[in-house]
């Protein structure tokens, strides 16, 4: 599985994040509403977001800018790839509030899932127990609650390859 690539369809591209992406991505992330249901509710502050951004840049599996109609509208990641378990996690996703409730999240997740399921059998999603928007969104694409880690306040959702309806007819990898 290759991680340094661009995934795209007609109007959405997932482009590998670079250090030069910080200012444009922070322009989206500085909205406090985005982080209200996340563990770190202060991530809208520049210093706190910089730590989040830097960790993403160190992520071996890929951290992506979400570009919609030519504009950066958020970010997402693959992480914790396991060859032995034929799995990966998708998460650390955020969008500008303008796109909440739209079909954008589903389209982005479909791009990522289509690519992941070419190589793997399982995709996991870590979601904070108070992040009800993300829980609802991930259930809409078919992921099921796999476990609750009460010590970390996270829920782990699982989507199996056999339970996913692929949209590969539009997936482009570059």
C-alpha atoms as a PDB file:
ATOM      1  CA  UNK A   1       0.000   0.000   0.000  1.00  0.00           C
ATOM      2  CA  UNK A   2       1.447   3.338  -1.059  1.00  0.00           C
ATOM      3  CA  UNK A   3       0.733   6.321   1.177  1.00  0.00           C
ATOM      4  CA  UNK A   4       2.294   9.321  -0.552  1.00  0.00           C
ATOM      5  CA  UNK A   5      -0.298   9.753  -3.276  1.00  0.00           C
ATOM      6  CA  UNK A   6      -3.199  11.889  -4.406  1.00  0.00           C
ATOM      7  CA  UNK A   7      -6.716  10.439  -4.306  1.00  0.00           C
ATOM      8  CA  UNK A   8      -9.336  12.281  -6.309  1.00  0.00           C
ATOM      9  CA  UNK A   9     -12.670  12.284  -8.044  1.00  0.00           C
ATOM     10  CA  UNK A  10     -14.341  15.037 -10.069  1.00  0.00           C
ATOM     11  CA  UNK A  11     -14.284  17.849  -7.506  1.00  0.00           C
ATOM     12  CA  UNK A  12     -12.486  16.383  -4.459  1.00  0.00           C
ATOM     13  CA  UNK A  13      -8.764  15.751  -4.069  1.00  0.00           C
ATOM     14  CA  UNK A  14      -6.861  14.383  -1.100  1.00  0.00           C
ATOM     15  CA  UNK A  15      -3.381  15.821  -1.464  1.00  0.00           C
ATOM     16  CA  UNK A  16      -0.423  14.985   0.784  1.00  0.00           C
ATOM     17  CA  UNK A  17       0.072  17.745   3.331  1.00  0.00           C
ATOM     18  CA  UNK A  18       3.349  19.670   3.265  1.00  0.00           C
ATOM     19  CA  UNK A  19       4.881  22.179   5.672  1.00  0.00           C
ATOM     20  CA  UNK A  20       3.918  24.949   3.268  1.00  0.00           C
ATOM     21  CA  UNK A  21       0.234  23.963   3.766  1.00  0.00           C
ATOM     22  CA  UNK A  22       0.126  25.215   7.361  1.00  0.00           C
ATOM     23  CA  UNK A  23      -1.210  28.752   6.853  1.00  0.00           C
ATOM     24  CA  UNK A  24      -3.940  27.756   4.443  1.00  0.00           C
ATOM     25  CA  UNK A  25      -5.054  24.814   6.589  1.00  0.00           C
ATOM     26  CA  UNK A  26      -4.933  26.860   9.782  1.00  0.00           C
ATOM     27  CA  UNK A  27      -7.220  29.378   8.092  1.00  0.00           C
ATOM     28  CA  UNK A  28      -9.848  26.605   8.127  1.00  0.00           C
ATOM     29  CA  UNK A  29      -8.914  25.170  11.540  1.00  0.00           C
ATOM     30  CA  UNK A  30      -9.059  28.452  13.486  1.00  0.00           C
ATOM     31  CA  UNK A  31     -12.843  28.184  13.835  1.00  0.00           C
ATOM     32  CA  UNK A  32     -13.507  27.112  17.487  1.00  0.00           C
ATOM     33  CA  UNK A  33     -16.759  25.371  16.484  1.00  0.00           C
ATOM     34  CA  UNK A  34     -14.780  22.707  14.617  1.00  0.00           C
ATOM     35  CA  UNK A  35     -13.140  21.493  17.824  1.00  0.00           C
ATOM     36  CA  UNK A  36     -16.066  21.664  20.288  1.00  0.00           C
ATOM     37  CA  UNK A  37     -16.621  17.873  20.307  1.00  0.00           C
ATOM     38  CA  UNK A  38     -12.952  16.925  20.102  1.00  0.00           C
ATOM     39  CA  UNK A  39     -10.611  15.986  22.919  1.00  0.00           C
ATOM     40  CA  UNK A  40      -8.533  19.139  22.457  1.00  0.00           C
ATOM     41  CA  UNK A  41     -11.105  21.923  22.279  1.00  0.00           C
ATOM     42  CA  UNK A  42      -8.339  24.543  22.067  1.00  0.00           C
ATOM     43  CA  UNK A  43      -7.046  23.294  18.720  1.00  0.00           C
ATOM     44  CA  UNK A  44      -8.276  26.494  17.055  1.00  0.00           C
ATOM     45  CA  UNK A  45      -5.403  28.348  18.747  1.00  0.00           C
ATOM     46  CA  UNK A  46      -2.372  28.655  16.477  1.00  0.00           C
ATOM     47  CA  UNK A  47       0.181  27.054  18.862  1.00  0.00           C
ATOM     48  CA  UNK A  48      -2.099  24.112  19.648  1.00  0.00           C
ATOM     49  CA  UNK A  49      -2.978  23.584  16.003  1.00  0.00           C
ATOM     50  CA  UNK A  50       0.728  23.731  15.101  1.00  0.00           C
ATOM     51  CA  UNK A  51       1.379  20.729  17.387  1.00  0.00           C
ATOM     52  CA  UNK A  52      -1.509  18.831  15.735  1.00  0.00           C
ATOM     53  CA  UNK A  53      -0.191  19.778  12.281  1.00  0.00           C
ATOM     54  CA  UNK A  54       3.399  18.755  13.101  1.00  0.00           C
ATOM     55  CA  UNK A  55       2.273  15.341  14.370  1.00  0.00           C
ATOM     56  CA  UNK A  56       0.344  14.898  11.128  1.00  0.00           C
ATOM     57  CA  UNK A  57       3.440  15.763   9.122  1.00  0.00           C
ATOM     58  CA  UNK A  58       5.355  12.995  10.952  1.00  0.00           C
ATOM     59  CA  UNK A  59       2.639  10.429  10.217  1.00  0.00           C
ATOM     60  CA  UNK A  60       4.126   7.681   8.032  1.00  0.00           C
ATOM     61  CA  UNK A  61       0.819   6.584   6.502  1.00  0.00           C
ATOM     62  CA  UNK A  62      -0.233   9.910   5.090  1.00  0.00           C
ATOM     63  CA  UNK A  63      -1.850  13.123   6.150  1.00  0.00           C
ATOM     64  CA  UNK A  64      -3.978  14.795   3.497  1.00  0.00           C
ATOM     65  CA  UNK A  65      -5.400  18.172   2.694  1.00  0.00           C
ATOM     66  CA  UNK A  66      -9.018  17.919   1.622  1.00  0.00           C
ATOM     67  CA  UNK A  67      -9.429  20.087  -1.460  1.00  0.00           C
ATOM     68  CA  UNK A  68     -12.968  20.687  -2.686  1.00  0.00           C
ATOM     69  CA  UNK A  69     -13.542  22.625  -5.895  1.00  0.00           C
ATOM     70  CA  UNK A  70      -9.953  23.888  -5.680  1.00  0.00           C
ATOM     71  CA  UNK A  71     -10.182  25.157  -2.072  1.00  0.00           C
ATOM     72  CA  UNK A  72      -8.649  23.578   1.057  1.00  0.00           C
ATOM     73  CA  UNK A  73     -11.591  22.736   3.332  1.00  0.00           C
ATOM     74  CA  UNK A  74     -10.009  20.396   5.889  1.00  0.00           C
ATOM     75  CA  UNK A  75      -7.668  17.524   6.575  1.00  0.00           C
ATOM     76  CA  UNK A  76      -7.701  13.751   7.196  1.00  0.00           C
ATOM     77  CA  UNK A  77      -5.241  10.902   7.798  1.00  0.00           C
ATOM     78  CA  UNK A  78      -4.512   7.242   7.464  1.00  0.00           C
ATOM     79  CA  UNK A  79      -2.632   5.925  10.521  1.00  0.00           C
ATOM     80  CA  UNK A  80      -1.684   2.774  12.443  1.00  0.00           C
ATOM     81  CA  UNK A  81      -1.274   0.569   9.375  1.00  0.00           C
ATOM     82  CA  UNK A  82      -0.945  -3.118  10.270  1.00  0.00           C
ATOM     83  CA  UNK A  83       0.185  -5.582   7.636  1.00  0.00           C
ATOM     84  CA  UNK A  84      -0.407  -8.508  10.025  1.00  0.00           C
ATOM     85  CA  UNK A  85      -3.995  -7.499  10.770  1.00  0.00           C
ATOM     86  CA  UNK A  86      -4.653  -6.245   7.220  1.00  0.00           C
ATOM     87  CA  UNK A  87      -5.899  -2.986   8.712  1.00  0.00           C
ATOM     88  CA  UNK A  88      -5.486   0.749   8.928  1.00  0.00           C
ATOM     89  CA  UNK A  89      -7.215   3.583  10.743  1.00  0.00           C
ATOM     90  CA  UNK A  90      -8.763   6.665   9.191  1.00  0.00           C
ATOM     91  CA  UNK A  91      -9.253   9.752  11.302  1.00  0.00           C
ATOM     92  CA  UNK A  92      -8.082  13.106  12.576  1.00  0.00           C
ATOM     93  CA  UNK A  93     -10.549  14.460  10.032  1.00  0.00           C
ATOM     94  CA  UNK A  94     -11.949  17.953  10.190  1.00  0.00           C
ATOM     95  CA  UNK A  95     -13.864  20.187   7.796  1.00  0.00           C
ATOM     96  CA  UNK A  96     -14.832  23.824   7.649  1.00  0.00           C
ATOM     97  CA  UNK A  97     -18.245  24.158   9.299  1.00  0.00           C
ATOM     98  CA  UNK A  98     -19.670  25.305   5.964  1.00  0.00           C
ATOM     99  CA  UNK A  99     -19.481  21.653   4.814  1.00  0.00           C
ATOM    100  CA  UNK A 100     -21.018  20.006   7.864  1.00  0.00           C
ATOM    101  CA  UNK A 101     -24.149  18.085   6.958  1.00  0.00           C
ATOM    102  CA  UNK A 102     -23.168  17.982   3.284  1.00  0.00           C
ATOM    103  CA  UNK A 103     -22.133  14.901   1.329  1.00  0.00           C
ATOM    104  CA  UNK A 104     -18.458  15.905   1.476  1.00  0.00           C
ATOM    105  CA  UNK A 105     -17.460  13.672   4.412  1.00  0.00           C
ATOM    106  CA  UNK A 106     -19.047  10.627   2.809  1.00  0.00           C
ATOM    107  CA  UNK A 107     -17.278  11.318  -0.486  1.00  0.00           C
ATOM    108  CA  UNK A 108     -13.907  11.779   1.237  1.00  0.00           C
ATOM    109  CA  UNK A 109     -14.326   8.608   3.286  1.00  0.00           C
ATOM    110  CA  UNK A 110     -15.370   6.689   0.146  1.00  0.00           C
ATOM    111  CA  UNK A 111     -12.174   7.789  -1.613  1.00  0.00           C
ATOM    112  CA  UNK A 112     -10.072   6.662   1.330  1.00  0.00           C
ATOM    113  CA  UNK A 113     -11.973   3.412   1.817  1.00  0.00           C
ATOM    114  CA  UNK A 114     -11.888   2.503  -1.868  1.00  0.00           C
ATOM    115  CA  UNK A 115      -8.131   2.865  -1.858  1.00  0.00           C
ATOM    116  CA  UNK A 116      -7.582   1.101   1.489  1.00  0.00           C
ATOM    117  CA  UNK A 117      -9.754  -1.863   0.510  1.00  0.00           C
ATOM    118  CA  UNK A 118      -7.662  -2.514  -2.588  1.00  0.00           C
ATOM    119  CA  UNK A 119      -5.000  -3.762  -0.147  1.00  0.00           C
ATOM    120  CA  UNK A 120      -6.630  -4.348   3.240  1.00  0.00           C
ATOM    121  CA  UNK A 121      -9.579  -6.115   4.860  1.00  0.00           C
ATOM    122  CA  UNK A 122     -10.349  -3.825   7.810  1.00  0.00           C
ATOM    123  CA  UNK A 123     -10.555  -0.084   8.425  1.00  0.00           C
ATOM    124  CA  UNK A 124     -10.925   1.290  11.935  1.00  0.00           C
ATOM    125  CA  UNK A 125     -12.042   4.711  13.128  1.00  0.00           C
ATOM    126  CA  UNK A 126     -11.144   6.120  16.577  1.00  0.00           C
ATOM    127  CA  UNK A 127     -13.783   8.614  17.641  1.00  0.00           C
ATOM    128  CA  UNK A 128     -14.048  10.566  20.879  1.00  0.00           C
ATOM    129  CA  UNK A 129     -17.068   9.485  22.879  1.00  0.00           C
ATOM    130  CA  UNK A 130     -18.452  13.055  22.861  1.00  0.00           C
ATOM    131  CA  UNK A 131     -17.955  13.572  19.131  1.00  0.00           C
ATOM    132  CA  UNK A 132     -21.525  12.705  18.174  1.00  0.00           C
ATOM    133  CA  UNK A 133     -21.268  14.220  14.680  1.00  0.00           C
ATOM    134  CA  UNK A 134     -18.413  11.890  13.733  1.00  0.00           C
ATOM    135  CA  UNK A 135     -20.080   8.858  15.313  1.00  0.00           C
ATOM    136  CA  UNK A 136     -23.228   9.457  13.306  1.00  0.00           C
ATOM    137  CA  UNK A 137     -21.298  10.110  10.076  1.00  0.00           C
ATOM    138  CA  UNK A 138     -19.214   6.945  10.365  1.00  0.00           C
ATOM    139  CA  UNK A 139     -22.292   4.840  11.099  1.00  0.00           C
ATOM    140  CA  UNK A 140     -23.882   6.193   7.895  1.00  0.00           C
ATOM    141  CA  UNK A 141     -21.090   4.658   5.821  1.00  0.00           C
ATOM    142  CA  UNK A 142     -21.590   1.283   7.518  1.00  0.00           C
ATOM    143  CA  UNK A 143     -18.977   1.178  10.291  1.00  0.00           C
ATOM    144  CA  UNK A 144     -20.045  -0.638  13.436  1.00  0.00           C
ATOM    145  CA  UNK A 145     -19.017   0.008  17.023  1.00  0.00           C
ATOM    146  CA  UNK A 146     -16.186  -2.440  17.718  1.00  0.00           C
ATOM    147  CA  UNK A 147     -15.099  -1.474  21.234  1.00  0.00           C
ATOM    148  CA  UNK A 148     -15.297   1.214  23.864  1.00  0.00           C
ATOM    149  CA  UNK A 149     -12.071   2.237  25.565  1.00  0.00           C
ATOM    150  CA  UNK A 150     -13.420   4.031  28.597  1.00  0.00           C
ATOM    151  CA  UNK A 151      -9.899   4.816  29.807  1.00  0.00           C
ATOM    152  CA  UNK A 152      -9.188   6.965  26.759  1.00  0.00           C
ATOM    153  CA  UNK A 153     -12.761   8.167  26.155  1.00  0.00           C
ATOM    154  CA  UNK A 154     -12.586   6.785  22.613  1.00  0.00           C
ATOM    155  CA  UNK A 155     -14.896   4.543  20.674  1.00  0.00           C
ATOM    156  CA  UNK A 156     -13.459   2.233  18.050  1.00  0.00           C
ATOM    157  CA  UNK A 157     -15.537   1.593  14.938  1.00  0.00           C
ATOM    158  CA  UNK A 158     -14.799  -1.051  12.307  1.00  0.00           C
ATOM    159  CA  UNK A 159     -15.709  -1.342   8.654  1.00  0.00           C
ATOM    160  CA  UNK A 160     -14.871  -4.634   6.952  1.00  0.00           C
ATOM    161  CA  UNK A 161     -14.058  -4.867   3.260  1.00  0.00           C
ATOM    162  CA  UNK A 162     -16.953  -7.291   2.687  1.00  0.00           C
ATOM    163  CA  UNK A 163     -19.414  -4.797   4.213  1.00  0.00           C
ATOM    164  CA  UNK A 164     -18.346  -1.853   2.053  1.00  0.00           C
ATOM    165  CA  UNK A 165     -19.928  -0.995  -1.264  1.00  0.00           C
ATOM    166  CA  UNK A 166     -17.069   0.271  -3.403  1.00  0.00           C
ATOM    167  CA  UNK A 167     -17.276   3.402  -5.526  1.00  0.00           C
ATOM    168  CA  UNK A 168     -14.085   2.594  -7.462  1.00  0.00           C
ATOM    169  CA  UNK A 169     -15.586   3.738 -10.734  1.00  0.00           C
ATOM    170  CA  UNK A 170     -14.387   7.266  -9.900  1.00  0.00           C
ATOM    171  CA  UNK A 171     -11.269   6.663  -7.791  1.00  0.00           C
ATOM    172  CA  UNK A 172      -8.094   8.082  -9.294  1.00  0.00           C
ATOM    173  CA  UNK A 173      -4.714   7.561  -7.653  1.00  0.00           C
ATOM    174  CA  UNK A 174      -1.726   9.610  -8.757  1.00  0.00           C
END
